[in-house]
N, C-alpha and C. Protein backbone atom coordinates (compact mmCIF):
# COMPACT_ATOMS: atom_id res chain seq x y z
N MET A 1 -4.83 -63.23 70.78
CA MET A 1 -5.32 -61.68 69.81
C MET A 1 -6.58 -61.25 70.09
N GLU A 2 -7.00 -62.51 70.17
CA GLU A 2 -8.62 -62.51 70.16
C GLU A 2 -9.87 -61.67 70.77
N LYS A 3 -8.86 -60.78 71.92
CA LYS A 3 -10.08 -59.85 71.97
C LYS A 3 -10.13 -58.31 70.67
N VAL A 4 -8.97 -58.33 69.99
CA VAL A 4 -8.77 -57.83 68.93
C VAL A 4 -9.66 -58.06 67.55
N PHE A 5 -9.86 -59.38 67.67
CA PHE A 5 -11.47 -59.71 66.83
C PHE A 5 -12.47 -60.06 67.08
N CYS A 6 -12.76 -59.46 69.01
CA CYS A 6 -14.15 -59.10 68.91
C CYS A 6 -14.53 -57.41 68.95
N ILE A 7 -13.32 -56.84 69.23
CA ILE A 7 -13.52 -55.45 68.86
C ILE A 7 -14.34 -55.07 67.85
N TRP A 8 -14.51 -55.87 67.14
CA TRP A 8 -14.88 -55.74 64.97
C TRP A 8 -15.39 -56.33 64.79
N PRO A 9 -16.89 -56.09 64.21
CA PRO A 9 -17.77 -57.61 64.05
C PRO A 9 -17.08 -58.29 62.95
N ASN A 10 -15.58 -57.75 61.73
CA ASN A 10 -15.25 -59.01 60.68
C ASN A 10 -14.58 -58.26 60.53
N ALA A 11 -13.33 -58.96 59.85
CA ALA A 11 -12.51 -58.68 59.62
C ALA A 11 -11.88 -57.31 58.81
N ALA A 12 -13.32 -57.25 57.04
CA ALA A 12 -13.10 -56.46 56.29
C ALA A 12 -13.24 -55.06 57.11
N GLU A 13 -14.41 -54.70 58.04
CA GLU A 13 -14.36 -53.82 58.82
C GLU A 13 -12.71 -52.95 59.89
N LEU A 14 -12.57 -54.50 60.59
CA LEU A 14 -11.42 -53.96 60.89
C LEU A 14 -9.98 -53.87 59.61
N ALA A 15 -9.96 -54.30 59.50
CA ALA A 15 -9.02 -53.59 57.72
C ALA A 15 -9.68 -52.53 56.90
N ARG A 16 -10.61 -52.39 56.94
CA ARG A 16 -11.05 -50.88 56.69
C ARG A 16 -10.32 -49.60 57.44
N GLU A 17 -10.77 -50.31 58.35
CA GLU A 17 -10.68 -49.33 60.06
C GLU A 17 -9.20 -48.60 59.74
N ILE A 18 -7.98 -49.93 59.74
CA ILE A 18 -6.94 -49.34 60.25
C ILE A 18 -5.97 -49.60 58.41
N GLY A 19 -7.01 -49.17 57.59
CA GLY A 19 -5.78 -49.62 55.93
C GLY A 19 -5.39 -50.83 55.80
N GLU A 20 -5.92 -51.68 55.81
CA GLU A 20 -5.21 -52.53 55.61
C GLU A 20 -6.19 -53.94 54.80
N ASN A 21 -5.22 -54.42 53.93
CA ASN A 21 -6.04 -55.12 53.02
C ASN A 21 -7.36 -56.32 53.88
N PRO A 22 -8.20 -56.72 53.21
CA PRO A 22 -9.03 -57.53 54.59
C PRO A 22 -8.74 -59.11 54.23
N VAL A 23 -7.98 -59.71 53.13
CA VAL A 23 -7.30 -60.64 53.17
C VAL A 23 -6.09 -60.65 54.22
N THR A 24 -5.60 -59.95 54.63
CA THR A 24 -4.13 -60.26 55.04
C THR A 24 -5.05 -59.39 56.57
N VAL A 25 -5.76 -59.23 57.22
CA VAL A 25 -6.87 -59.37 58.32
C VAL A 25 -6.81 -61.18 59.00
N ARG A 26 -8.08 -61.37 57.77
CA ARG A 26 -8.11 -62.53 57.59
C ARG A 26 -6.95 -63.76 57.70
N SER A 27 -6.23 -63.63 57.61
CA SER A 27 -4.62 -64.30 57.48
C SER A 27 -4.23 -64.00 59.00
N TRP A 28 -4.47 -63.10 59.42
CA TRP A 28 -4.26 -62.98 61.23
C TRP A 28 -4.80 -63.09 61.87
N ARG A 29 -6.12 -63.07 61.44
CA ARG A 29 -7.11 -64.20 62.65
C ARG A 29 -6.60 -65.56 62.58
N ALA A 30 -6.58 -66.29 61.21
CA ALA A 30 -6.96 -67.46 61.18
C ALA A 30 -5.33 -67.96 62.42
N ARG A 31 -4.12 -68.01 61.58
CA ARG A 31 -3.24 -68.12 62.76
C ARG A 31 -3.41 -67.18 64.40
N GLY A 32 -4.03 -66.47 64.58
CA GLY A 32 -3.92 -65.93 65.52
C GLY A 32 -2.96 -64.96 66.40
N SER A 33 -2.57 -64.26 65.16
CA SER A 33 -1.33 -63.21 65.34
C SER A 33 -1.36 -62.30 64.64
N ILE A 34 -0.65 -61.13 65.01
CA ILE A 34 -1.09 -59.70 64.52
C ILE A 34 0.45 -58.97 64.21
N PRO A 35 1.00 -58.42 63.98
CA PRO A 35 2.08 -57.94 63.20
C PRO A 35 2.97 -56.87 64.67
N ALA A 36 3.42 -56.86 65.22
CA ALA A 36 3.48 -55.59 66.01
C ALA A 36 3.87 -54.86 65.43
N ASP A 37 4.26 -54.72 64.99
CA ASP A 37 3.79 -53.46 64.11
C ASP A 37 2.54 -52.20 63.66
N ARG A 38 1.79 -53.44 63.68
CA ARG A 38 0.70 -52.83 63.84
C ARG A 38 -0.42 -51.59 65.51
N ASP A 39 0.65 -52.83 66.20
CA ASP A 39 -0.25 -52.37 67.71
C ASP A 39 -0.67 -50.99 67.84
N VAL A 40 -0.23 -49.70 67.76
CA VAL A 40 -0.20 -48.39 68.16
C VAL A 40 -1.98 -48.18 66.97
N ILE A 41 -1.61 -49.00 66.07
CA ILE A 41 -2.59 -48.37 65.16
C ILE A 41 -4.04 -48.97 65.38
N LEU A 42 -3.67 -50.02 65.74
CA LEU A 42 -4.49 -50.84 66.88
C LEU A 42 -5.23 -50.95 68.26
N VAL A 43 -4.28 -49.59 69.17
CA VAL A 43 -4.62 -49.35 70.14
C VAL A 43 -5.59 -48.20 69.59
N ARG A 44 -5.38 -47.79 69.05
CA ARG A 44 -6.06 -46.28 68.57
C ARG A 44 -7.11 -46.33 67.80
N ALA A 45 -7.70 -47.35 66.81
CA ALA A 45 -8.24 -47.65 65.81
C ALA A 45 -9.63 -48.43 67.23
N ALA A 46 -9.71 -49.02 67.77
CA ALA A 46 -9.64 -49.91 68.87
C ALA A 46 -10.88 -48.07 69.98
N ALA A 47 -9.40 -47.33 69.98
CA ALA A 47 -10.53 -46.12 71.08
C ALA A 47 -11.38 -45.25 70.88
N LYS A 48 -11.57 -45.28 68.87
CA LYS A 48 -12.15 -45.10 68.38
C LYS A 48 -13.89 -45.89 68.36
N ARG A 49 -13.41 -46.57 68.67
CA ARG A 49 -14.88 -47.26 68.95
C ARG A 49 -15.07 -47.55 69.97
N GLY A 50 -14.77 -46.76 71.40
CA GLY A 50 -14.60 -46.77 72.41
C GLY A 50 -14.27 -48.33 73.39
N ALA A 51 -13.61 -48.47 72.81
CA ALA A 51 -13.14 -50.18 73.36
C ALA A 51 -11.54 -49.63 73.74
N VAL A 52 -10.96 -50.43 75.38
CA VAL A 52 -10.01 -50.18 75.66
C VAL A 52 -9.49 -51.62 74.85
N LEU A 53 -8.18 -51.06 74.15
CA LEU A 53 -6.92 -52.40 74.35
C LEU A 53 -5.27 -51.68 74.11
N THR A 54 -4.67 -52.12 74.44
CA THR A 54 -3.52 -51.91 75.03
C THR A 54 -2.20 -52.54 74.63
N VAL A 55 -1.05 -51.58 74.22
CA VAL A 55 0.32 -52.51 74.01
C VAL A 55 0.32 -53.57 74.00
N GLU A 56 0.03 -53.03 76.09
CA GLU A 56 0.60 -53.92 76.45
C GLU A 56 0.08 -55.61 76.72
N GLU A 57 -1.41 -55.17 76.33
CA GLU A 57 -2.01 -56.32 76.00
C GLU A 57 -2.28 -57.20 74.64
N LEU A 58 -1.61 -56.41 73.65
CA LEU A 58 -0.52 -57.32 72.80
C LEU A 58 0.52 -57.35 72.28
N ALA A 59 0.96 -57.57 73.67
CA ALA A 59 2.26 -58.11 74.20
C ALA A 59 2.27 -59.30 74.42
N GLU A 60 1.48 -58.96 75.85
CA GLU A 60 0.38 -60.50 76.51
C GLU A 60 0.38 -61.22 75.81
N ALA A 61 -0.25 -61.84 74.82
CA ALA A 61 -1.38 -61.96 74.04
C ALA A 61 0.37 -62.26 72.93
N ARG A 62 0.47 -62.50 72.82
CA ARG A 62 2.34 -62.43 72.01
C ARG A 62 2.98 -63.72 72.59
N ARG A 63 3.92 -62.84 73.95
CA ARG A 63 3.98 -63.94 74.61
C ARG A 63 3.33 -65.08 75.44
N LYS A 64 2.16 -65.22 75.14
CA LYS A 64 1.11 -66.55 75.49
C LYS A 64 1.22 -67.15 74.84
N ARG A 65 1.02 -66.81 73.17
CA ARG A 65 0.98 -67.60 72.16
C ARG A 65 2.28 -68.19 71.78
N ALA A 66 3.37 -67.56 71.92
CA ALA A 66 4.78 -68.27 72.06
C ALA A 66 5.27 -69.13 72.63
N SER A 67 4.80 -68.78 74.60
CA SER A 67 5.03 -70.77 75.48
C SER A 67 3.98 -71.17 74.90
N GLN A 68 2.80 -70.78 74.22
CA GLN A 68 2.07 -72.42 73.67
C GLN A 68 2.49 -73.03 72.88
N GLU A 69 3.33 -72.15 72.07
CA GLU A 69 4.39 -72.78 70.65
C GLU A 69 4.99 -73.58 71.08
N ARG A 70 6.20 -72.81 72.45
CA ARG A 70 7.16 -74.13 72.68
C ARG A 70 6.75 -75.21 73.33
N VAL A 71 5.24 -75.54 73.78
CA VAL A 71 4.95 -76.02 74.51
C VAL A 71 4.64 -77.28 73.41
N VAL A 72 4.08 -77.03 72.69
CA VAL A 72 3.56 -78.16 71.82
C VAL A 72 4.66 -78.93 71.10
């Protein structure tokens, strides 16, 4: 999910652009995970910023995180 948080300068701006509470977005960043039901809105918001973000990239980030959690 690091790529998502690199597209926006801070959690508050990301929250504003996707209509989410900044505290919620900060908690996503802290846990390193974003609910899958936000994928489409994130992809669209990234595109408005001129960034390329795909649903596939988000899904892959989740798979990697899940596999790392199983190892620990």
